[in-house]
Amino acid sequence: MDVWEVEGTDIRQTRDDTLKIAEFIRKQDGVEWTASFIGGGASRFSLVYTPQDSTKAYGQIIVRTETREQIAPLRRKSIPHDRKYR
């Protein structure tokens, strides 16, 4: 999940907001763990994707669920919470 703050946001605010969203996500049924990255995405050696360029206004949360079927409902449930940060 990508967390975007307003450009120019202090990286500490981005960190705090990203960690709040990650905490919310971890409380949802079926979530095994989350990993948060502040200021840039996870290393592309960890995931097969093109990582986001570094910026103080960006956070990324990697979420592990018990099953693939839990991803879409979790995303729908998280949208109202993270929309404030987009």
PDB file of N, CA and C in Angstrom:
ATOM      1  N   MET A   1       0.848  -1.152   0.000  1.00  0.00           N
ATOM      2  CA  MET A   1       0.000   0.000   0.000  1.00  0.00           C
ATOM      3  C   MET A   1       0.904   1.228   0.000  1.00  0.00           C
ATOM      4  N   ASP A   2       0.603   2.176  -0.871  1.00  0.00           N
ATOM      5  CA  ASP A   2       1.369   3.412  -0.946  1.00  0.00           C
ATOM      6  C   ASP A   2       0.695   4.494  -0.104  1.00  0.00           C
ATOM      7  N   VAL A   3       1.482   5.241   0.614  1.00  0.00           N
ATOM      8  CA  VAL A   3       0.990   6.363   1.421  1.00  0.00           C
ATOM      9  C   VAL A   3       1.671   7.614   0.883  1.00  0.00           C
ATOM     10  N   TRP A   4       0.872   8.521   0.378  1.00  0.00           N
ATOM     11  CA  TRP A   4       1.410   9.772  -0.171  1.00  0.00           C
ATOM     12  C   TRP A   4       0.967  10.946   0.684  1.00  0.00           C
ATOM     13  N   GLU A   5       1.908  11.719   1.146  1.00  0.00           N
ATOM     14  CA  GLU A   5       1.635  12.960   1.863  1.00  0.00           C
ATOM     15  C   GLU A   5       1.762  14.115   0.872  1.00  0.00           C
ATOM     16  N   VAL A   6       1.415  15.300   1.302  1.00  0.00           N
ATOM     17  CA  VAL A   6       1.602  16.500   0.493  1.00  0.00           C
ATOM     18  C   VAL A   6       3.105  16.723   0.336  1.00  0.00           C
ATOM     19  N   GLU A   7       3.539  17.050  -0.876  1.00  0.00           N
ATOM     20  CA  GLU A   7       4.962  17.294  -1.114  1.00  0.00           C
ATOM     21  C   GLU A   7       5.464  18.358  -0.140  1.00  0.00           C
ATOM     22  N   GLY A   8       6.619  18.117   0.454  1.00  0.00           N
ATOM     23  CA  GLY A   8       7.187  19.034   1.437  1.00  0.00           C
ATOM     24  C   GLY A   8       6.909  18.625   2.876  1.00  0.00           C
ATOM     25  N   THR A   9       6.107  17.560   3.072  1.00  0.00           N
ATOM     26  CA  THR A   9       5.821  17.066   4.411  1.00  0.00           C
ATOM     27  C   THR A   9       7.108  16.567   5.058  1.00  0.00           C
ATOM     28  N   ASP A  10       7.293  16.876   6.325  1.00  0.00           N
ATOM     29  CA  ASP A  10       8.458  16.394   7.064  1.00  0.00           C
ATOM     30  C   ASP A  10       8.427  14.863   7.097  1.00  0.00           C
ATOM     31  N   ILE A  11       9.560  14.246   6.913  1.00  0.00           N
ATOM     32  CA  ILE A  11       9.630  12.781   6.867  1.00  0.00           C
ATOM     33  C   ILE A  11       9.158  12.150   8.179  1.00  0.00           C
ATOM     34  N   ARG A  12       9.288  12.853   9.281  1.00  0.00           N
ATOM     35  CA  ARG A  12       8.801  12.313  10.569  1.00  0.00           C
ATOM     36  C   ARG A  12       7.289  12.221  10.576  1.00  0.00           C
ATOM     37  N   GLN A  13       6.608  13.163   9.935  1.00  0.00           N
ATOM     38  CA  GLN A  13       5.150  13.102   9.828  1.00  0.00           C
ATOM     39  C   GLN A  13       4.744  11.946   8.918  1.00  0.00           C
ATOM     40  N   THR A  14       5.456  11.786   7.816  1.00  0.00           N
ATOM     41  CA  THR A  14       5.197  10.662   6.918  1.00  0.00           C
ATOM     42  C   THR A  14       5.367   9.351   7.679  1.00  0.00           C
ATOM     43  N   ARG A  15       6.441   9.243   8.468  1.00  0.00           N
ATOM     44  CA  ARG A  15       6.679   8.040   9.266  1.00  0.00           C
ATOM     45  C   ARG A  15       5.522   7.788  10.226  1.00  0.00           C
ATOM     46  N   ASP A  16       5.125   8.812  10.972  1.00  0.00           N
ATOM     47  CA  ASP A  16       4.063   8.644  11.959  1.00  0.00           C
ATOM     48  C   ASP A  16       2.755   8.216  11.306  1.00  0.00           C
ATOM     49  N   ASP A  17       2.392   8.849  10.199  1.00  0.00           N
ATOM     50  CA  ASP A  17       1.145   8.505   9.513  1.00  0.00           C
ATOM     51  C   ASP A  17       1.191   7.099   8.923  1.00  0.00           C
ATOM     52  N   THR A  18       2.317   6.742   8.328  1.00  0.00           N
ATOM     53  CA  THR A  18       2.464   5.406   7.747  1.00  0.00           C
ATOM     54  C   THR A  18       2.366   4.338   8.834  1.00  0.00           C
ATOM     55  N   LEU A  19       2.993   4.570   9.961  1.00  0.00           N
ATOM     56  CA  LEU A  19       2.930   3.594  11.059  1.00  0.00           C
ATOM     57  C   LEU A  19       1.530   3.474  11.645  1.00  0.00           C
ATOM     58  N   LYS A  20       0.761   4.564  11.671  1.00  0.00           N
ATOM     59  CA  LYS A  20      -0.632   4.503  12.136  1.00  0.00           C
ATOM     60  C   LYS A  20      -1.470   3.638  11.196  1.00  0.00           C
ATOM     61  N   ILE A  21      -1.282   3.828   9.905  1.00  0.00           N
ATOM     62  CA  ILE A  21      -2.027   3.024   8.934  1.00  0.00           C
ATOM     63  C   ILE A  21      -1.627   1.558   9.055  1.00  0.00           C
ATOM     64  N   ALA A  22      -0.328   1.286   9.203  1.00  0.00           N
ATOM     65  CA  ALA A  22       0.144  -0.097   9.345  1.00  0.00           C
ATOM     66  C   ALA A  22      -0.453  -0.745  10.594  1.00  0.00           C
ATOM     67  N   GLU A  23      -0.557   0.019  11.671  1.00  0.00           N
ATOM     68  CA  GLU A  23      -1.158  -0.512  12.907  1.00  0.00           C
ATOM     69  C   GLU A  23      -2.622  -0.881  12.669  1.00  0.00           C
ATOM     70  N   PHE A  24      -3.360  -0.019  11.978  1.00  0.00           N
ATOM     71  CA  PHE A  24      -4.750  -0.295  11.639  1.00  0.00           C
ATOM     72  C   PHE A  24      -4.856  -1.585  10.824  1.00  0.00           C
ATOM     73  N   ILE A  25      -3.998  -1.720   9.829  1.00  0.00           N
ATOM     74  CA  ILE A  25      -4.024  -2.895   8.959  1.00  0.00           C
ATOM     75  C   ILE A  25      -3.719  -4.166   9.742  1.00  0.00           C
ATOM     76  N   ARG A  26      -2.738  -4.120  10.639  1.00  0.00           N
ATOM     77  CA  ARG A  26      -2.369  -5.321  11.405  1.00  0.00           C
ATOM     78  C   ARG A  26      -3.508  -5.821  12.286  1.00  0.00           C
ATOM     79  N   LYS A  27      -4.440  -4.959  12.641  1.00  0.00           N
ATOM     80  CA  LYS A  27      -5.576  -5.354  13.491  1.00  0.00           C
ATOM     81  C   LYS A  27      -6.680  -6.058  12.706  1.00  0.00           C
ATOM     82  N   GLN A  28      -6.561  -6.081  11.384  1.00  0.00           N
ATOM     83  CA  GLN A  28      -7.610  -6.682  10.556  1.00  0.00           C
ATOM     84  C   GLN A  28      -7.445  -8.200  10.492  1.00  0.00           C
ATOM     85  N   ASP A  29      -8.582  -8.879  10.391  1.00  0.00           N
ATOM     86  CA  ASP A  29      -8.567 -10.340  10.296  1.00  0.00           C
ATOM     87  C   ASP A  29      -7.759 -10.788   9.083  1.00  0.00           C
ATOM     88  N   GLY A  30      -6.966 -11.816   9.278  1.00  0.00           N
ATOM     89  CA  GLY A  30      -6.221 -12.421   8.186  1.00  0.00           C
ATOM     90  C   GLY A  30      -4.862 -11.806   7.913  1.00  0.00           C
ATOM     91  N   VAL A  31      -4.516 -10.720   8.588  1.00  0.00           N
ATOM     92  CA  VAL A  31      -3.220 -10.086   8.367  1.00  0.00           C
ATOM     93  C   VAL A  31      -2.183 -10.776   9.241  1.00  0.00           C
ATOM     94  N   GLU A  32      -1.138 -11.285   8.613  1.00  0.00           N
ATOM     95  CA  GLU A  32      -0.064 -11.960   9.348  1.00  0.00           C
ATOM     96  C   GLU A  32       1.001 -10.976   9.811  1.00  0.00           C
ATOM     97  N   TRP A  33       1.380 -10.036   8.934  1.00  0.00           N
ATOM     98  CA  TRP A  33       2.383  -9.036   9.314  1.00  0.00           C
ATOM     99  C   TRP A  33       2.396  -7.900   8.298  1.00  0.00           C
ATOM    100  N   THR A  34       3.015  -6.797   8.703  1.00  0.00           N
ATOM    101  CA  THR A  34       3.249  -5.681   7.793  1.00  0.00           C
ATOM    102  C   THR A  34       4.713  -5.267   7.913  1.00  0.00           C
ATOM    103  N   ALA A  35       5.212  -4.625   6.881  1.00  0.00           N
ATOM    104  CA  ALA A  35       6.543  -4.016   6.894  1.00  0.00           C
ATOM    105  C   ALA A  35       6.395  -2.622   6.299  1.00  0.00           C
ATOM    106  N   SER A  36       6.914  -1.620   6.989  1.00  0.00           N
ATOM    107  CA  SER A  36       6.774  -0.241   6.539  1.00  0.00           C
ATOM    108  C   SER A  36       8.113   0.320   6.073  1.00  0.00           C
ATOM    109  N   PHE A  37       8.051   1.106   5.014  1.00  0.00           N
ATOM    110  CA  PHE A  37       9.228   1.761   4.458  1.00  0.00           C
ATOM    111  C   PHE A  37       8.899   3.235   4.308  1.00  0.00           C
ATOM    112  N   ILE A  38       9.760   4.080   4.824  1.00  0.00           N
ATOM    113  CA  ILE A  38       9.515   5.517   4.836  1.00  0.00           C
ATOM    114  C   ILE A  38      10.528   6.212   3.928  1.00  0.00           C
ATOM    115  N   GLY A  39      10.033   7.088   3.066  1.00  0.00           N
ATOM    116  CA  GLY A  39      10.921   7.843   2.193  1.00  0.00           C
ATOM    117  C   GLY A  39      11.245   7.130   0.888  1.00  0.00           C
ATOM    118  N   GLY A  40      10.779   5.914   0.732  1.00  0.00           N
ATOM    119  CA  GLY A  40      11.023   5.122  -0.470  1.00  0.00           C
ATOM    120  C   GLY A  40      10.445   3.736  -0.269  1.00  0.00           C
ATOM    121  N   GLY A  41      10.402   2.965  -1.325  1.00  0.00           N
ATOM    122  CA  GLY A  41       9.832   1.632  -1.246  1.00  0.00           C
ATOM    123  C   GLY A  41      10.847   0.590  -0.822  1.00  0.00           C
ATOM    124  N   ALA A  42      10.374  -0.630  -0.717  1.00  0.00           N
ATOM    125  CA  ALA A  42      11.234  -1.760  -0.366  1.00  0.00           C
ATOM    126  C   ALA A  42      12.242  -1.996  -1.484  1.00  0.00           C
ATOM    127  N   SER A  43      13.349  -2.558  -1.141  1.00  0.00           N
ATOM    128  CA  SER A  43      14.369  -2.888  -2.129  1.00  0.00           C
ATOM    129  C   SER A  43      13.789  -3.799  -3.202  1.00  0.00           C
ATOM    130  N   ARG A  44      14.133  -3.552  -4.445  1.00  0.00           N
ATOM    131  CA  ARG A  44      13.595  -4.416  -5.497  1.00  0.00           C
ATOM    132  C   ARG A  44      14.157  -5.823  -5.405  1.00  0.00           C
ATOM    133  N   PHE A  45      15.152  -6.033  -4.556  1.00  0.00           N
ATOM    134  CA  PHE A  45      15.656  -7.381  -4.336  1.00  0.00           C
ATOM    135  C   PHE A  45      14.744  -8.151  -3.379  1.00  0.00           C
ATOM    136  N   SER A  46      13.885  -7.413  -2.659  1.00  0.00           N
ATOM    137  CA  SER A  46      12.909  -8.037  -1.771  1.00  0.00           C
ATOM    138  C   SER A  46      11.630  -8.383  -2.518  1.00  0.00           C
ATOM    139  N   LEU A  47      11.265  -7.532  -3.472  1.00  0.00           N
ATOM    140  CA  LEU A  47      10.026  -7.699  -4.230  1.00  0.00           C
ATOM    141  C   LEU A  47      10.314  -7.514  -5.709  1.00  0.00           C
ATOM    142  N   VAL A  48       9.495  -8.138  -6.515  1.00  0.00           N
ATOM    143  CA  VAL A  48       9.658  -7.984  -7.962  1.00  0.00           C
ATOM    144  C   VAL A  48       8.718  -6.864  -8.409  1.00  0.00           C
ATOM    145  N   TYR A  49       9.246  -5.656  -8.433  1.00  0.00           N
ATOM    146  CA  TYR A  49       8.499  -4.488  -8.867  1.00  0.00           C
ATOM    147  C   TYR A  49       9.472  -3.330  -9.052  1.00  0.00           C
ATOM    148  N   THR A  50       8.999  -2.239  -9.602  1.00  0.00           N
ATOM    149  CA  THR A  50       9.831  -1.051  -9.751  1.00  0.00           C
ATOM    150  C   THR A  50       9.612  -0.174  -8.523  1.00  0.00           C
ATOM    151  N   PRO A  51      10.632  -0.002  -7.689  1.00  0.00           N
ATOM    152  CA  PRO A  51      10.442   0.779  -6.463  1.00  0.00           C
ATOM    153  C   PRO A  51      10.220   2.264  -6.749  1.00  0.00           C
ATOM    154  N   GLN A  52       9.525   2.908  -5.833  1.00  0.00           N
ATOM    155  CA  GLN A  52       9.260   4.345  -5.921  1.00  0.00           C
ATOM    156  C   GLN A  52      10.551   5.122  -5.654  1.00  0.00           C
ATOM    157  N   ASP A  53      10.740   6.226  -6.365  1.00  0.00           N
ATOM    158  CA  ASP A  53      11.883   7.094  -6.084  1.00  0.00           C
ATOM    159  C   ASP A  53      11.786   7.629  -4.659  1.00  0.00           C
ATOM    160  N   SER A  54      12.914   7.965  -4.072  1.00  0.00           N
ATOM    161  CA  SER A  54      12.952   8.475  -2.708  1.00  0.00           C
ATOM    162  C   SER A  54      12.320   9.857  -2.615  1.00  0.00           C
ATOM    163  N   THR A  55      11.476  10.035  -1.622  1.00  0.00           N
ATOM    164  CA  THR A  55      10.864  11.321  -1.306  1.00  0.00           C
ATOM    165  C   THR A  55      10.383  11.293   0.140  1.00  0.00           C
ATOM    166  N   LYS A  56      10.498  12.404   0.829  1.00  0.00           N
ATOM    167  CA  LYS A  56      10.086  12.494   2.239  1.00  0.00           C
ATOM    168  C   LYS A  56       8.579  12.343   2.413  1.00  0.00           C
ATOM    169  N   ALA A  57       7.827  12.516   1.342  1.00  0.00           N
ATOM    170  CA  ALA A  57       6.372  12.495   1.413  1.00  0.00           C
ATOM    171  C   ALA A  57       5.785  11.125   1.074  1.00  0.00           C
ATOM    172  N   TYR A  58       6.604  10.085   1.030  1.00  0.00           N
ATOM    173  CA  TYR A  58       6.139   8.765   0.595  1.00  0.00           C
ATOM    174  C   TYR A  58       6.432   7.698   1.643  1.00  0.00           C
ATOM    175  N   GLY A  59       5.467   6.842   1.844  1.00  0.00           N
ATOM    176  CA  GLY A  59       5.647   5.663   2.678  1.00  0.00           C
ATOM    177  C   GLY A  59       5.029   4.474   1.963  1.00  0.00           C
ATOM    178  N   GLN A  60       5.519   3.294   2.266  1.00  0.00           N
ATOM    179  CA  GLN A  60       4.976   2.081   1.659  1.00  0.00           C
ATOM    180  C   GLN A  60       4.792   1.041   2.754  1.00  0.00           C
ATOM    181  N   ILE A  61       3.677   0.340   2.674  1.00  0.00           N
ATOM    182  CA  ILE A  61       3.383  -0.729   3.626  1.00  0.00           C
ATOM    183  C   ILE A  61       3.205  -2.022   2.838  1.00  0.00           C
ATOM    184  N   ILE A  62       4.023  -3.001   3.159  1.00  0.00           N
ATOM    185  CA  ILE A  62       3.884  -4.333   2.577  1.00  0.00           C
ATOM    186  C   ILE A  62       3.047  -5.150   3.559  1.00  0.00           C
ATOM    187  N   VAL A  63       2.039  -5.835   3.049  1.00  0.00           N
ATOM    188  CA  VAL A  63       1.108  -6.569   3.903  1.00  0.00           C
ATOM    189  C   VAL A  63       1.108  -8.034   3.506  1.00  0.00           C
ATOM    190  N   ARG A  64       1.224  -8.899   4.487  1.00  0.00           N
ATOM    191  CA  ARG A  64       1.125 -10.351   4.263  1.00  0.00           C
ATOM    192  C   ARG A  64      -0.187 -10.830   4.858  1.00  0.00           C
ATOM    193  N   THR A  65      -1.019 -11.449   4.022  1.00  0.00           N
ATOM    194  CA  THR A  65      -2.284 -12.004   4.495  1.00  0.00           C
ATOM    195  C   THR A  65      -2.202 -13.524   4.492  1.00  0.00           C
ATOM    196  N   GLU A  66      -3.131 -14.158   5.186  1.00  0.00           N
ATOM    197  CA  GLU A  66      -3.154 -15.619   5.255  1.00  0.00           C
ATOM    198  C   GLU A  66      -3.460 -16.226   3.881  1.00  0.00           C
ATOM    199  N   THR A  67      -4.365 -15.574   3.128  1.00  0.00           N
ATOM    200  CA  THR A  67      -4.739 -16.072   1.800  1.00  0.00           C
ATOM    201  C   THR A  67      -4.816 -14.905   0.812  1.00  0.00           C
ATOM    202  N   ARG A  68      -4.713 -15.215  -0.471  1.00  0.00           N
ATOM    203  CA  ARG A  68      -4.829 -14.186  -1.516  1.00  0.00           C
ATOM    204  C   ARG A  68      -6.214 -13.559  -1.524  1.00  0.00           C
ATOM    205  N   GLU A  69      -7.229 -14.351  -1.183  1.00  0.00           N
ATOM    206  CA  GLU A  69      -8.605 -13.866  -1.222  1.00  0.00           C
ATOM    207  C   GLU A  69      -8.857 -12.748  -0.217  1.00  0.00           C
ATOM    208  N   GLN A  70      -8.006 -12.614   0.778  1.00  0.00           N
ATOM    209  CA  GLN A  70      -8.188 -11.584   1.801  1.00  0.00           C
ATOM    210  C   GLN A  70      -7.646 -10.221   1.366  1.00  0.00           C
ATOM    211  N   ILE A  71      -6.906 -10.167   0.274  1.00  0.00           N
ATOM    212  CA  ILE A  71      -6.268  -8.911  -0.142  1.00  0.00           C
ATOM    213  C   ILE A  71      -7.296  -7.864  -0.565  1.00  0.00           C
ATOM    214  N   ALA A  72      -8.198  -8.198  -1.480  1.00  0.00           N
ATOM    215  CA  ALA A  72      -9.160  -7.204  -1.987  1.00  0.00           C
ATOM    216  C   ALA A  72     -10.060  -6.657  -0.880  1.00  0.00           C
ATOM    217  N   PRO A  73     -10.656  -7.504  -0.020  1.00  0.00           N
ATOM    218  CA  PRO A  73     -11.472  -6.946   1.066  1.00  0.00           C
ATOM    219  C   PRO A  73     -10.663  -6.065   2.021  1.00  0.00           C
ATOM    220  N   LEU A  74      -9.418  -6.439   2.261  1.00  0.00           N
ATOM    221  CA  LEU A  74      -8.565  -5.632   3.132  1.00  0.00           C
ATOM    222  C   LEU A  74      -8.294  -4.277   2.496  1.00  0.00           C
ATOM    223  N   ARG A  75      -8.036  -4.261   1.221  1.00  0.00           N
ATOM    224  CA  ARG A  75      -7.793  -3.002   0.510  1.00  0.00           C
ATOM    225  C   ARG A  75      -9.022  -2.107   0.573  1.00  0.00           C
ATOM    226  N   ARG A  76     -10.197  -2.675   0.337  1.00  0.00           N
ATOM    227  CA  ARG A  76     -11.432  -1.879   0.404  1.00  0.00           C
ATOM    228  C   ARG A  76     -11.639  -1.316   1.805  1.00  0.00           C
ATOM    229  N   LYS A  77     -11.333  -2.106   2.814  1.00  0.00           N
ATOM    230  CA  LYS A  77     -11.498  -1.669   4.194  1.00  0.00           C
ATOM    231  C   LYS A  77     -10.499  -0.570   4.554  1.00  0.00           C
ATOM    232  N   SER A  78      -9.325  -0.589   3.964  1.00  0.00           N
ATOM    233  CA  SER A  78      -8.270   0.365   4.285  1.00  0.00           C
ATOM    234  C   SER A  78      -8.411   1.691   3.554  1.00  0.00           C
ATOM    235  N   ILE A  79      -9.128   1.718   2.441  1.00  0.00           N
ATOM    236  CA  ILE A  79      -9.208   2.940   1.638  1.00  0.00           C
ATOM    237  C   ILE A  79      -9.707   4.142   2.432  1.00  0.00           C
ATOM    238  N   PRO A  80     -10.785   4.041   3.216  1.00  0.00           N
ATOM    239  CA  PRO A  80     -11.203   5.242   3.960  1.00  0.00           C
ATOM    240  C   PRO A  80     -10.110   5.742   4.914  1.00  0.00           C
ATOM    241  N   HIS A  81      -9.319   4.837   5.451  1.00  0.00           N
ATOM    242  CA  HIS A  81      -8.281   5.236   6.395  1.00  0.00           C
ATOM    243  C   HIS A  81      -7.115   5.920   5.699  1.00  0.00           C
ATOM    244  N   ASP A  82      -6.705   5.413   4.545  1.00  0.00           N
ATOM    245  CA  ASP A  82      -5.516   5.978   3.912  1.00  0.00           C
ATOM    246  C   ASP A  82      -5.828   7.070   2.912  1.00  0.00           C
ATOM    247  N   ARG A  83      -7.091   7.268   2.554  1.00  0.00           N
ATOM    248  CA  ARG A  83      -7.446   8.309   1.579  1.00  0.00           C
ATOM    249  C   ARG A  83      -6.979   9.674   2.053  1.00  0.00           C
ATOM    250  N   LYS A  84      -7.022   9.934   3.332  1.00  0.00           N
ATOM    251  CA  LYS A  84      -6.576  11.203   3.902  1.00  0.00           C
ATOM    252  C   LYS A  84      -5.122  11.496   3.541  1.00  0.00           C
ATOM    253  N   TYR A  85      -4.328  10.462   3.326  1.00  0.00           N
ATOM    254  CA  TYR A  85      -2.899  10.625   3.097  1.00  0.00           C
ATOM    255  C   TYR A  85      -2.534  10.655   1.631  1.00  0.00           C
ATOM    256  N   ARG A  86      -3.470  10.540   0.731  1.00  0.00           N
ATOM    257  CA  ARG A  86      -3.167  10.539  -0.709  1.00  0.00           C
ATOM    258  C   ARG A  86      -3.168  11.932  -1.261  1.00  0.00           C
TER     259      ARG A  86
END
